[in-house]
Amino acid sequence: MSDLVIRGATVVDGLGHEPRRADLAVKDGRIEAVGEIRDSEARTIDAGGLVLSPGIVDVHTHYDAQATWDPTLSPSPSLGVTTAVIGNCGFGIVPAPPAARDLVIRNLSVVEGMDLDALRAGIRWEFESFGEYMDMLRRRPAYANLAVLAGHSTIRTAIMGEAASQRADATPEELARMKAMVADAMAQGAIGLGASYSLNHSGYGGVPMPSTIAPLSELDALVGAMGPRGQGVIAIASGVKTPEELEPIAAKHGRPFFQGTGMAMYNEQEPERALRIFDACAAALRRGNGLYVQIPCQPLSFDFTMANAYPFYSHSAFDPIKAYSPEQLKAVFRDPSWRARFRDNAKNPRPGMIFQGNWERVMVAVVQKPANASYVNRYLDEIAAEEKRDPLDVMLDLALDENLETAFLGRFLNVGDEGVARLLKHEAGVVALSDAGAHLIYMCDAGFGLHFLAHWVRERGDFDLAEGVRRLTSHPADLYGIRNRGRIAVGAQADLLLFDPATVGVSPAERVADLPGGGRRTIRRPTGVHGVFCNGVMTFDGKDYVRHTVAPGHVLDRFNASRGSHRAIAAQ
């Protein structure tokens, strides 16, 4: 007898085949049968009028810390995600020698917009080595399946301490220890390596994140330490590193690179730039070398205050003041000569910078004084035009009036549906970059998959339902070598999403105060979702979408992932 039968759904298998009406049976967490199922004794769900698809595979999340205190991984599972890859950009929390822990989370709090007090209160340091971290995840499995990347910056910090952000070249002994840590992580189940060379990735006090200053030769050495050729993937915030610079490493080690960079996101000021990067990656793929681009299906958003204005840190006016205290910053921001320098920077941006002088993309998100409430949800160029002032002055004067606590939201990249659609459809693109688990205070893109189904499938029709589901499920799973996920097929894991295609989507953002220590975060809730299954178990609820939506998933390590060459991974 089956454990569960879902009857009468329109089954979209995640492999690109035509949708069909069918029943689906689950046994022991796996899909037992698809078709007409006569088992009358199993628990049954009537899914007539709904779509049954594989659960969404999110390959770019930052749940490394949250997973230690919140196995629900709120809110991703409620938003249809049944598999999440953590450790992206190389910003994890392991290895965790006690002396380095606070430095690691201080940097993490800035570069990924996390509440430092919540990190200090919430992380359960029941581990030091990568293997101990994996054991912890297995003891308290998360609601979604998790796959873990070893982190270049975290490993560098564990070995070099504060010097990791100060000294570009590691000593031979330090590099040898880093390589040993990568090898150990892979042996303990890491599915690959995360790294960053982004100009925009700064840590606590404005210091560069460690991997961003390391030479490419160090990255090459760590990729080489991952084990036999073809084993594992590299997820890299590549910044201004070009496909031409990364392809030799991918070719040398036979491992695919998945790049995330503002350079490869649609920018109406340079509309063809991103497409050239995608085309260069496609050319590498034709040569048998795995180069892909992670492309978000939503505008890329950055939340910040002027006390930690990290979207501007790549501009030279900020170089001497990144580590300033708020009181020191106030004096600088009042200085007309400094404003003139930053104004000049904004008019002459360099490639790879997040902020390109586009004040029309910077919104006032949260104000601290009731007298400033009229500014909320308005863009700086609009306010400046109304008040006949410069947008930079509007931003700085407002921030100074509110003790640098005003929250701004910048939507700098990936704006413009026609341009973004070309990238989403590209053969070298992978729909990703939700950043779920990070930037919690003012934004939440964890529902990227539901947004994709609503906007790009239903509303715009850039993808039909079969291809849209494939792009969210088997496509990323296969490229990352994650077996038996992202598909409805007999024998595959029963990770499933049941939804109404006419209403599926995400709600407006709302703020809740449920972080450790009472910190606030922003969440979105699903619309049109009727059930999320993970390994065959679900709560058919619909009321409490934040917690207790699905049952615990699995820790997906390299033993669950495909091995062999990049070609073998791509072909499965």
Protein backbone atom coordinates (compact mmCIF):
# COMPACT_ATOMS: atom_id res chain seq x y z
CA MET A 1 0.00 0.00 0.00
CA SER A 2 1.18 3.49 -0.81
CA ASP A 3 1.76 6.03 1.94
CA LEU A 4 0.06 8.82 -0.02
CA VAL A 5 -1.84 9.25 -3.27
CA ILE A 6 -2.37 12.66 -4.88
CA ARG A 7 -5.24 12.39 -7.33
CA GLY A 8 -6.26 14.30 -10.41
CA ALA A 9 -3.49 16.91 -10.54
CA THR A 10 -1.99 18.32 -13.69
CA VAL A 11 1.46 16.79 -13.39
CA VAL A 12 4.35 18.92 -14.65
CA ASP A 13 7.35 16.65 -14.31
CA GLY A 14 10.17 19.21 -14.25
CA LEU A 15 11.83 17.56 -17.24
CA GLY A 16 10.09 19.67 -19.86
CA HIS A 17 7.48 17.11 -20.95
CA GLU A 18 3.92 18.15 -21.68
CA PRO A 19 1.73 18.48 -18.59
CA ARG A 20 -0.75 15.64 -18.12
CA ARG A 21 -3.54 14.82 -15.74
CA ALA A 22 -2.48 11.94 -13.51
CA ASP A 23 -2.39 10.47 -10.02
CA LEU A 24 0.85 10.15 -8.09
CA ALA A 25 1.69 7.65 -5.37
CA VAL A 26 4.36 8.04 -2.71
CA LYS A 27 6.00 5.22 -0.77
CA ASP A 28 8.83 5.60 1.76
CA GLY A 29 9.57 9.14 0.63
CA ARG A 30 9.94 8.26 -3.05
CA ILE A 31 7.62 8.49 -6.03
CA GLU A 32 6.16 5.02 -6.44
CA ALA A 33 3.93 5.49 -9.47
CA VAL A 34 2.50 8.14 -11.82
CA GLY A 35 -0.66 7.50 -13.81
CA GLU A 36 -4.01 5.99 -12.89
CA ILE A 37 -3.65 4.65 -9.36
CA ARG A 38 -6.39 2.47 -7.88
CA ASP A 39 -5.05 2.13 -4.34
CA SER A 40 -8.10 3.06 -2.26
CA GLU A 41 -6.63 2.56 1.21
CA ALA A 42 -3.80 5.08 1.10
CA ARG A 43 -4.12 8.57 2.45
CA THR A 44 -5.49 10.58 -0.47
CA ILE A 45 -5.42 14.23 -1.50
CA ASP A 46 -7.82 15.48 -4.17
CA ALA A 47 -5.72 17.81 -6.35
CA GLY A 48 -8.20 18.41 -9.16
CA GLY A 49 -7.60 21.79 -10.82
CA LEU A 50 -4.12 22.13 -9.32
CA VAL A 51 -0.62 21.66 -10.70
CA LEU A 52 1.76 19.15 -9.11
CA SER A 53 5.42 19.84 -9.83
CA PRO A 54 8.77 19.03 -8.27
CA GLY A 55 9.79 21.30 -5.41
CA ILE A 56 11.89 24.33 -6.31
CA VAL A 57 15.68 23.96 -6.17
CA ASP A 58 17.34 27.13 -4.84
CA VAL A 59 21.07 27.00 -5.51
CA HIS A 60 21.95 30.38 -3.95
CA THR A 61 20.97 30.75 -0.29
CA HIS A 62 22.65 31.81 2.95
CA TYR A 63 20.94 29.66 5.60
CA ASP A 64 24.29 28.54 7.09
CA ALA A 65 23.70 30.33 10.41
CA GLN A 66 19.90 30.20 10.56
CA ALA A 67 19.93 26.41 10.11
CA THR A 68 21.54 26.09 13.54
CA TRP A 69 18.56 27.64 15.34
CA ASP A 70 15.67 27.34 12.84
CA PRO A 71 15.34 23.98 11.07
CA THR A 72 12.24 25.29 9.28
CA LEU A 73 14.49 27.55 7.18
CA SER A 74 11.65 30.05 7.26
CA PRO A 75 10.31 31.16 4.87
CA SER A 76 11.78 29.17 1.93
CA PRO A 77 9.96 25.83 2.31
CA SER A 78 6.59 27.57 2.54
CA LEU A 79 7.51 29.31 -0.74
CA GLY A 80 7.92 26.00 -2.55
CA VAL A 81 11.65 25.40 -2.02
CA THR A 82 12.50 21.79 -1.16
CA THR A 83 16.26 21.88 -1.85
CA ALA A 84 18.62 24.71 -0.89
CA VAL A 85 22.36 25.15 -1.45
CA ILE A 86 24.10 27.07 1.35
CA GLY A 87 27.61 28.50 1.73
CA ASN A 88 27.33 30.71 -1.33
CA CYS A 89 29.95 33.39 -2.06
CA GLY A 90 32.18 31.54 0.40
CA PHE A 91 30.49 33.21 3.38
CA GLY A 92 29.61 30.32 5.69
CA ILE A 93 30.24 29.78 9.40
CA VAL A 94 32.49 26.72 9.22
CA PRO A 95 35.28 25.89 9.96
CA ALA A 96 34.71 27.61 13.27
CA PRO A 97 37.74 27.74 15.58
CA PRO A 98 36.53 29.61 18.69
CA ALA A 99 38.99 32.48 18.22
CA ALA A 100 37.63 33.24 14.74
CA ARG A 101 33.88 32.90 15.35
CA ASP A 102 33.01 36.47 16.21
CA LEU A 103 35.14 37.81 13.36
CA VAL A 104 33.35 35.50 10.92
CA ILE A 105 29.88 36.55 12.01
CA ARG A 106 30.78 40.25 12.23
CA ASN A 107 31.81 40.10 8.57
CA LEU A 108 28.75 38.01 7.71
CA SER A 109 26.43 40.52 9.36
CA VAL A 110 27.63 43.24 6.99
CA VAL A 111 28.24 41.47 3.71
CA GLU A 112 24.93 39.58 3.87
CA GLY A 113 22.89 42.17 5.76
CA MET A 114 22.23 40.04 8.85
CA ASP A 115 21.36 41.12 12.40
CA LEU A 116 24.62 40.77 14.34
CA ASP A 117 22.87 40.49 17.70
CA ALA A 118 20.67 37.72 16.28
CA LEU A 119 23.73 35.86 15.00
CA ARG A 120 25.45 36.15 18.36
CA ALA A 121 22.35 35.03 20.25
CA GLY A 122 21.14 32.39 17.82
CA ILE A 123 24.04 30.38 16.43
CA ARG A 124 24.52 27.12 18.29
CA TRP A 125 28.25 26.51 18.14
CA GLU A 126 28.06 22.74 18.39
CA PHE A 127 30.77 22.32 15.77
CA GLU A 128 34.23 23.45 14.82
CA SER A 129 35.18 21.36 11.79
CA PHE A 130 33.21 20.95 8.61
CA GLY A 131 32.43 17.35 9.49
CA GLU A 132 31.01 18.40 12.86
CA TYR A 133 28.82 20.99 11.12
CA MET A 134 27.46 18.34 8.74
CA ASP A 135 26.80 16.03 11.69
CA MET A 136 24.86 18.83 13.40
CA LEU A 137 22.69 19.31 10.31
CA ARG A 138 21.99 15.57 10.19
CA ARG A 139 21.05 15.47 13.88
CA ARG A 140 18.56 18.31 13.41
CA PRO A 141 17.59 18.09 9.74
CA ALA A 142 16.10 21.15 8.14
CA TYR A 143 12.65 21.13 6.56
CA ALA A 144 14.20 21.39 3.11
CA ASN A 145 17.05 19.31 1.76
CA LEU A 146 20.39 21.08 2.25
CA ALA A 147 23.57 20.95 0.19
CA VAL A 148 26.62 22.71 1.64
CA LEU A 149 29.46 24.54 -0.08
CA ALA A 150 32.83 24.95 1.61
CA GLY A 151 33.57 28.68 1.97
CA HIS A 152 36.78 30.29 0.70
CA SER A 153 36.46 33.39 2.91
CA THR A 154 35.54 31.38 6.01
CA ILE A 155 38.44 28.97 5.50
CA ARG A 156 40.84 31.88 4.92
CA THR A 157 39.62 33.53 8.13
CA ALA A 158 40.01 30.31 10.13
CA ILE A 159 43.66 30.10 9.04
CA MET A 160 44.74 33.76 8.83
CA GLY A 161 42.44 35.59 11.28
CA GLU A 162 42.12 39.32 10.66
CA ALA A 163 45.04 39.15 8.22
CA ALA A 164 42.71 37.29 5.84
CA SER A 165 41.20 40.66 4.88
CA GLN A 166 44.52 42.53 4.97
CA ARG A 167 47.09 40.38 3.21
CA ALA A 168 46.54 39.19 -0.35
CA ASP A 169 49.16 36.45 -0.40
CA ALA A 170 48.96 33.56 2.01
CA THR A 171 52.20 31.96 3.08
CA PRO A 172 52.93 28.48 1.67
CA GLU A 173 52.10 27.00 5.07
CA GLU A 174 48.79 28.90 5.27
CA LEU A 175 47.83 27.85 1.74
CA ALA A 176 48.63 24.23 2.55
CA ARG A 177 46.34 24.38 5.58
CA MET A 178 43.56 25.97 3.50
CA LYS A 179 43.88 23.20 0.90
CA ALA A 180 43.68 20.59 3.65
CA MET A 181 40.47 22.19 4.94
CA VAL A 182 38.92 22.13 1.45
CA ALA A 183 39.89 18.49 1.02
CA ASP A 184 38.40 17.65 4.42
CA ALA A 185 35.17 19.50 3.60
CA MET A 186 34.78 17.53 0.38
CA ALA A 187 35.51 14.28 2.20
CA GLN A 188 32.84 15.17 4.77
CA GLY A 189 30.20 15.85 2.14
CA ALA A 190 30.59 19.36 0.70
CA ILE A 191 29.18 19.54 -2.82
CA GLY A 192 31.70 22.18 -3.86
CA LEU A 193 33.42 25.45 -3.07
CA GLY A 194 31.98 28.96 -2.67
CA ALA A 195 34.09 32.07 -3.31
CA SER A 196 33.87 35.78 -4.11
CA TYR A 197 35.83 38.35 -6.08
CA SER A 198 33.10 40.98 -5.95
CA LEU A 199 34.19 44.59 -5.53
CA ASN A 200 31.02 45.11 -3.52
CA HIS A 201 31.63 42.44 -0.87
CA SER A 202 32.90 44.20 2.25
CA GLY A 203 32.82 43.00 5.82
CA TYR A 204 32.64 44.60 9.25
CA GLY A 205 34.16 48.06 9.33
CA GLY A 206 34.40 48.10 5.55
CA VAL A 207 37.23 45.56 5.29
CA PRO A 208 37.23 43.50 2.09
CA MET A 209 35.87 39.99 2.44
CA PRO A 210 38.90 37.69 2.56
CA SER A 211 38.61 35.84 -0.74
CA THR A 212 38.13 39.07 -2.69
CA ILE A 213 41.78 40.04 -2.20
CA ALA A 214 43.24 36.57 -2.80
CA PRO A 215 45.02 35.98 -6.11
CA LEU A 216 43.38 33.67 -8.61
CA SER A 217 46.27 31.29 -8.05
CA GLU A 218 44.93 30.69 -4.52
CA LEU A 219 41.46 29.88 -5.87
CA ASP A 220 43.05 27.55 -8.42
CA ALA A 221 44.92 25.76 -5.63
CA LEU A 222 41.75 25.33 -3.57
CA VAL A 223 39.76 24.08 -6.56
CA GLY A 224 42.57 21.60 -7.15
CA ALA A 225 42.27 20.41 -3.54
CA MET A 226 38.64 19.39 -4.03
CA GLY A 227 39.60 15.86 -5.06
CA PRO A 228 39.42 13.84 -8.26
CA ARG A 229 38.79 15.69 -11.51
CA GLY A 230 35.15 16.57 -12.07
CA GLN A 231 34.08 16.21 -8.43
CA GLY A 232 32.03 19.12 -7.11
CA VAL A 233 31.03 22.59 -8.31
CA ILE A 234 32.34 26.13 -7.78
CA ALA A 235 29.82 28.88 -6.97
CA ILE A 236 31.53 32.24 -7.28
CA ALA A 237 30.52 35.86 -6.94
CA SER A 238 32.86 36.65 -9.81
CA GLY A 239 32.77 40.45 -9.75
CA VAL A 240 34.87 41.76 -12.62
CA LYS A 241 36.59 38.43 -13.22
CA THR A 242 35.79 37.50 -16.80
CA PRO A 243 34.79 34.16 -18.29
CA GLU A 244 38.16 34.21 -20.04
CA GLU A 245 39.91 34.34 -16.66
CA LEU A 246 37.78 31.57 -15.11
CA GLU A 247 37.60 29.14 -18.01
CA PRO A 248 41.22 27.88 -17.67
CA ILE A 249 40.53 26.85 -14.05
CA ALA A 250 37.27 25.14 -15.04
CA ALA A 251 39.06 23.33 -17.87
CA LYS A 252 42.06 22.36 -15.76
CA HIS A 253 39.99 20.73 -13.02
CA GLY A 254 36.91 19.65 -14.98
CA ARG A 255 34.55 21.40 -12.58
CA PRO A 256 31.71 23.75 -13.54
CA PHE A 257 31.74 27.36 -12.35
CA PHE A 258 28.48 29.12 -11.53
CA GLN A 259 29.03 32.87 -11.58
CA GLY A 260 26.91 35.50 -9.90
CA THR A 261 27.85 39.06 -10.74
CA GLY A 262 26.23 42.42 -11.34
CA MET A 263 28.28 42.54 -14.55
CA ALA A 264 26.05 39.78 -15.93
CA MET A 265 22.74 41.32 -14.89
CA TYR A 266 20.70 43.48 -17.19
CA ASN A 267 21.62 47.15 -16.96
CA GLU A 268 19.79 49.54 -19.26
CA GLN A 269 22.82 51.85 -19.20
CA GLU A 270 24.90 49.09 -20.83
CA PRO A 271 22.22 46.80 -22.28
CA GLU A 272 24.54 44.43 -24.18
CA ARG A 273 27.21 43.95 -21.50
CA ALA A 274 25.50 41.08 -19.67
CA LEU A 275 24.63 39.32 -22.92
CA ARG A 276 28.29 39.34 -23.96
CA ILE A 277 29.20 37.55 -20.71
CA PHE A 278 26.45 34.97 -21.23
CA ASP A 279 27.61 34.39 -24.81
CA ALA A 280 31.22 33.94 -23.62
CA CYS A 281 30.04 31.30 -21.17
CA ALA A 282 28.04 29.55 -23.90
CA ALA A 283 31.18 29.45 -26.05
CA ALA A 284 33.05 27.85 -23.13
CA LEU A 285 30.29 25.25 -22.78
CA ARG A 286 30.68 24.35 -26.44
CA ARG A 287 34.36 23.75 -25.72
CA GLY A 288 33.36 21.38 -22.94
CA ASN A 289 34.17 23.74 -20.07
CA GLY A 290 31.44 24.43 -17.52
CA LEU A 291 30.77 28.14 -17.17
CA TYR A 292 27.28 29.27 -16.18
CA VAL A 293 25.71 32.49 -14.91
CA GLN A 294 23.30 32.68 -11.99
CA ILE A 295 20.61 35.12 -13.07
CA PRO A 296 17.87 36.46 -10.75
CA CYS A 297 14.32 36.65 -12.05
CA GLN A 298 13.63 39.76 -9.95
CA PRO A 299 15.35 43.15 -9.66
CA LEU A 300 18.46 42.82 -7.51
CA SER A 301 17.85 44.75 -4.29
CA PHE A 302 20.27 46.06 -1.67
CA ASP A 303 19.22 47.29 1.75
CA PHE A 304 21.50 49.65 3.66
CA THR A 305 21.85 52.60 5.99
CA MET A 306 24.47 55.31 5.71
CA ALA A 307 26.11 53.84 8.81
CA ASN A 308 26.87 50.81 6.62
CA ALA A 309 26.54 52.00 3.05
CA TYR A 310 28.09 48.93 1.43
CA PRO A 311 26.56 49.44 -2.06
CA PHE A 312 28.76 52.55 -2.30
CA TYR A 313 31.95 51.02 -0.92
CA SER A 314 33.51 50.40 -4.33
CA HIS A 315 33.56 54.19 -4.93
CA SER A 316 36.85 55.82 -4.00
CA ALA A 317 35.24 58.50 -1.80
CA PHE A 318 34.45 55.72 0.69
CA ASP A 319 37.94 54.16 0.73
CA PRO A 320 39.25 56.09 3.77
CA ILE A 321 36.01 55.99 5.78
CA LYS A 322 34.75 52.41 5.58
CA ALA A 323 35.84 51.64 9.13
CA TYR A 324 34.61 54.92 10.61
CA SER A 325 32.24 54.98 13.55
CA PRO A 326 28.81 56.57 13.06
CA GLU A 327 30.00 59.75 14.79
CA GLN A 328 33.00 59.99 12.47
CA LEU A 329 30.79 59.34 9.46
CA LYS A 330 28.43 62.16 10.41
CA ALA A 331 31.26 64.67 10.22
CA VAL A 332 32.31 63.35 6.82
CA PHE A 333 28.79 63.37 5.41
CA ARG A 334 28.37 67.02 6.41
CA ASP A 335 31.57 68.01 4.59
CA PRO A 336 30.77 69.69 1.21
CA SER A 337 34.16 68.67 -0.21
CA TRP A 338 33.51 64.99 0.53
CA ARG A 339 30.03 65.27 -1.01
CA ALA A 340 31.67 66.69 -4.12
CA ARG A 341 34.05 63.72 -4.31
CA PHE A 342 31.25 61.19 -3.99
CA ARG A 343 29.11 63.14 -6.48
CA ASP A 344 31.99 62.92 -8.97
CA ASN A 345 32.34 59.17 -8.30
CA ALA A 346 28.64 58.67 -8.95
CA LYS A 347 28.92 60.46 -12.31
CA ASN A 348 31.89 58.30 -13.37
CA PRO A 349 31.22 54.72 -12.22
CA ARG A 350 33.49 51.81 -13.15
CA PRO A 351 32.28 48.45 -14.51
CA GLY A 352 31.37 46.03 -11.74
CA MET A 353 30.13 48.65 -9.32
CA ILE A 354 26.67 48.10 -7.89
CA PHE A 355 25.78 51.79 -7.85
CA GLN A 356 26.08 53.45 -11.23
CA GLY A 357 24.88 56.90 -10.20
CA ASN A 358 21.27 55.85 -10.79
CA TRP A 359 19.52 57.70 -7.96
CA GLU A 360 16.16 56.84 -9.52
CA ARG A 361 16.73 53.31 -8.20
CA VAL A 362 17.34 54.26 -4.54
CA MET A 363 14.20 54.23 -2.40
CA VAL A 364 13.57 55.39 1.17
CA ALA A 365 12.43 52.16 2.83
CA VAL A 366 12.09 52.90 6.55
CA VAL A 367 12.33 56.23 8.41
CA GLN A 368 12.85 56.70 12.13
CA LYS A 369 11.02 60.01 12.63
CA PRO A 370 7.27 60.41 12.06
CA ALA A 371 7.97 63.80 10.48
CA ASN A 372 9.77 62.02 7.61
CA ALA A 373 7.03 59.49 6.91
CA SER A 374 6.12 61.16 3.61
CA TYR A 375 9.45 59.98 2.16
CA VAL A 376 8.75 56.26 2.61
CA ASN A 377 8.54 54.18 -0.60
CA ARG A 378 9.68 57.14 -2.70
CA TYR A 379 12.81 57.29 -4.87
CA LEU A 380 15.52 59.87 -4.27
CA ASP A 381 15.33 61.42 -7.74
CA GLU A 382 11.59 62.02 -7.27
CA ILE A 383 12.12 63.65 -3.86
CA ALA A 384 15.01 65.72 -5.22
CA ALA A 385 12.95 67.00 -8.18
CA GLU A 386 10.10 67.98 -5.89
CA GLU A 387 12.40 69.76 -3.43
CA LYS A 388 14.75 71.14 -6.13
CA ARG A 389 17.80 69.57 -4.53
CA ASP A 390 20.48 67.09 -5.53
CA PRO A 391 19.55 63.41 -4.80
CA LEU A 392 22.85 62.87 -2.95
CA ASP A 393 22.06 65.78 -0.63
CA VAL A 394 18.55 64.43 -0.05
CA MET A 395 19.95 61.07 1.01
CA LEU A 396 22.69 62.41 3.27
CA ASP A 397 20.58 65.13 4.88
CA LEU A 398 17.81 62.64 5.66
CA ALA A 399 20.30 60.14 7.07
CA LEU A 400 21.95 62.80 9.24
CA ASP A 401 18.57 63.94 10.52
CA GLU A 402 17.88 60.36 11.67
CA ASN A 403 21.23 59.52 13.25
CA LEU A 404 22.21 57.47 10.16
CA GLU A 405 19.38 55.02 10.89
CA THR A 406 17.26 55.68 7.80
CA ALA A 407 16.91 52.49 5.75
CA PHE A 408 17.34 52.76 1.99
CA LEU A 409 16.60 50.13 -0.65
CA GLY A 410 18.53 50.20 -3.90
CA ARG A 411 17.21 48.37 -6.96
CA PHE A 412 20.21 48.88 -9.17
CA LEU A 413 20.31 45.91 -11.53
CA ASN A 414 18.12 43.49 -13.48
CA VAL A 415 15.37 46.03 -14.06
CA GLY A 416 13.60 45.93 -17.44
CA ASP A 417 11.61 42.86 -18.43
CA GLU A 418 12.64 42.66 -22.08
CA GLY A 419 16.34 42.77 -21.27
CA VAL A 420 16.03 40.37 -18.32
CA ALA A 421 13.98 37.90 -20.38
CA ARG A 422 16.83 37.45 -22.87
CA LEU A 423 19.14 36.46 -20.03
CA LEU A 424 16.64 34.15 -18.31
CA LYS A 425 16.19 32.24 -21.58
CA HIS A 426 19.90 32.00 -22.34
CA GLU A 427 21.52 28.55 -22.51
CA ALA A 428 24.25 29.62 -20.06
CA GLY A 429 21.81 30.98 -17.46
CA VAL A 430 20.61 29.36 -14.23
CA VAL A 431 17.68 30.98 -12.38
CA ALA A 432 19.07 31.74 -8.92
CA LEU A 433 20.36 34.43 -6.55
CA SER A 434 17.44 34.50 -4.13
CA ASP A 435 19.94 35.19 -1.30
CA ALA A 436 17.39 33.53 1.00
CA GLY A 437 18.49 33.71 4.62
CA ALA A 438 20.39 36.97 4.05
CA HIS A 439 19.52 40.68 3.87
CA LEU A 440 16.70 39.95 6.26
CA ILE A 441 15.88 43.38 7.55
CA TYR A 442 14.34 45.04 4.51
CA MET A 443 14.02 42.48 1.72
CA CYS A 444 13.07 38.87 1.04
CA ASP A 445 13.52 37.22 -2.37
CA ALA A 446 13.12 33.66 -1.08
CA GLY A 447 9.92 33.37 -3.15
CA PHE A 448 11.80 33.80 -6.43
CA GLY A 449 10.38 30.57 -7.83
CA LEU A 450 6.76 31.52 -7.19
CA HIS A 451 7.48 34.97 -8.65
CA PHE A 452 8.94 33.27 -11.73
CA LEU A 453 5.79 31.17 -12.17
CA ALA A 454 3.56 34.21 -11.70
CA HIS A 455 5.45 36.82 -13.72
CA TRP A 456 7.49 35.07 -16.38
CA VAL A 457 5.12 32.14 -16.98
CA ARG A 458 1.55 33.30 -16.31
CA GLU A 459 1.68 37.07 -16.84
CA ARG A 460 4.26 37.51 -19.59
CA GLY A 461 4.34 34.08 -21.21
CA ASP A 462 8.11 34.10 -21.78
CA PHE A 463 8.08 30.45 -20.69
CA ASP A 464 5.31 27.89 -20.95
CA LEU A 465 4.48 26.03 -17.76
CA ALA A 466 6.55 22.94 -18.60
CA GLU A 467 9.71 24.91 -19.38
CA GLY A 468 9.17 27.34 -16.52
CA VAL A 469 8.98 24.49 -14.01
CA ARG A 470 12.03 22.80 -15.57
CA ARG A 471 14.10 25.96 -15.14
CA LEU A 472 13.29 25.94 -11.41
CA THR A 473 13.75 22.24 -10.76
CA SER A 474 15.65 19.66 -12.83
CA HIS A 475 17.76 22.26 -14.63
CA PRO A 476 19.62 23.55 -11.53
CA ALA A 477 19.55 20.13 -9.86
CA ASP A 478 21.20 18.43 -12.83
CA LEU A 479 23.82 21.13 -13.33
CA TYR A 480 24.80 20.89 -9.67
CA GLY A 481 24.79 17.10 -9.84
CA ILE A 482 22.03 16.69 -7.25
CA ARG A 483 20.50 13.30 -7.88
CA ASN A 484 16.83 12.36 -7.85
CA ARG A 485 15.62 15.87 -7.11
CA GLY A 486 13.84 18.34 -9.33
CA ARG A 487 11.79 15.76 -11.22
CA ILE A 488 8.62 13.74 -11.03
CA ALA A 489 9.72 10.27 -12.05
CA VAL A 490 9.32 6.83 -10.54
CA GLY A 491 12.08 6.32 -7.98
CA ALA A 492 12.85 10.02 -7.50
CA GLN A 493 12.52 11.65 -4.09
CA ALA A 494 8.98 12.87 -3.42
CA ASP A 495 9.86 16.56 -3.10
CA LEU A 496 6.74 18.19 -4.52
CA LEU A 497 4.88 21.48 -4.88
CA LEU A 498 1.11 21.63 -5.31
CA PHE A 499 -0.20 24.98 -6.57
CA ASP A 500 -2.92 26.82 -8.42
CA PRO A 501 -1.35 28.29 -11.59
CA ALA A 502 -3.97 31.04 -11.72
CA THR A 503 -3.08 32.50 -8.33
CA VAL A 504 0.46 31.32 -7.53
CA GLY A 505 2.82 34.10 -6.45
CA VAL A 506 4.13 35.94 -3.41
CA SER A 507 2.52 38.41 -1.04
CA PRO A 508 3.76 41.92 -0.34
CA ALA A 509 6.63 42.10 2.13
CA GLU A 510 5.91 42.27 5.83
CA ARG A 511 8.16 42.60 8.86
CA VAL A 512 8.10 40.20 11.80
CA ALA A 513 10.11 40.24 15.04
CA ASP A 514 11.07 36.59 15.47
CA LEU A 515 14.86 36.51 15.15
CA PRO A 516 16.89 35.40 18.16
CA GLY A 517 16.86 38.25 20.65
CA GLY A 518 13.72 39.72 19.09
CA GLY A 519 15.33 41.09 15.94
CA ARG A 520 13.14 41.98 12.99
CA ARG A 521 13.17 40.53 9.51
CA THR A 522 11.18 40.81 6.33
CA ILE A 523 9.23 37.86 4.91
CA ARG A 524 6.85 37.18 2.08
CA ARG A 525 4.10 34.59 2.09
CA PRO A 526 2.96 32.38 -0.77
CA THR A 527 -0.27 32.77 -2.69
CA GLY A 528 -1.87 29.90 -4.55
CA VAL A 529 0.26 27.25 -2.81
CA HIS A 530 -1.77 24.27 -1.61
CA GLY A 531 1.00 22.07 -0.32
CA VAL A 532 4.74 21.57 -0.12
CA PHE A 533 6.02 18.02 0.24
CA CYS A 534 9.55 17.07 1.23
CA ASN A 535 10.50 13.40 1.14
CA GLY A 536 6.86 12.48 0.94
CA VAL A 537 5.52 14.26 4.04
CA MET A 538 3.68 17.55 4.27
CA THR A 539 1.39 19.65 6.40
CA PHE A 540 -1.66 20.54 4.34
CA ASP A 541 -2.23 23.74 6.23
CA GLY A 542 -2.39 27.05 4.39
CA LYS A 543 -2.62 29.15 7.55
CA ASP A 544 0.82 29.06 9.10
CA TYR A 545 3.18 29.57 6.20
CA VAL A 546 6.15 30.63 8.26
CA ARG A 547 6.71 27.45 10.20
CA HIS A 548 5.75 23.78 10.12
CA THR A 549 4.97 23.62 6.42
CA VAL A 550 7.01 20.57 5.47
CA ALA A 551 8.74 17.72 7.21
CA PRO A 552 12.52 17.46 7.61
CA GLY A 553 14.56 16.96 4.49
CA HIS A 554 17.96 15.42 3.89
CA VAL A 555 21.50 16.71 4.02
CA LEU A 556 22.58 16.32 0.40
CA ASP A 557 26.31 15.73 0.32
CA ARG A 558 28.62 14.79 -2.49
CA PHE A 559 27.55 11.17 -2.07
CA ASN A 560 24.09 12.25 -3.30
CA ALA A 561 25.65 14.17 -6.17
CA SER A 562 26.81 13.06 -9.57
CA ARG A 563 30.50 12.47 -10.17
CA GLY A 564 32.58 12.48 -13.31
CA SER A 565 33.14 15.16 -15.87
CA HIS A 566 31.15 18.32 -16.35
CA ARG A 567 29.70 16.76 -19.50
CA ALA A 568 28.34 13.87 -17.46
CA ILE A 569 26.74 16.25 -14.95
CA ALA A 570 25.14 18.33 -17.68
CA ALA A 571 23.88 15.29 -19.56
CA GLN A 572 22.08 13.54 -16.71
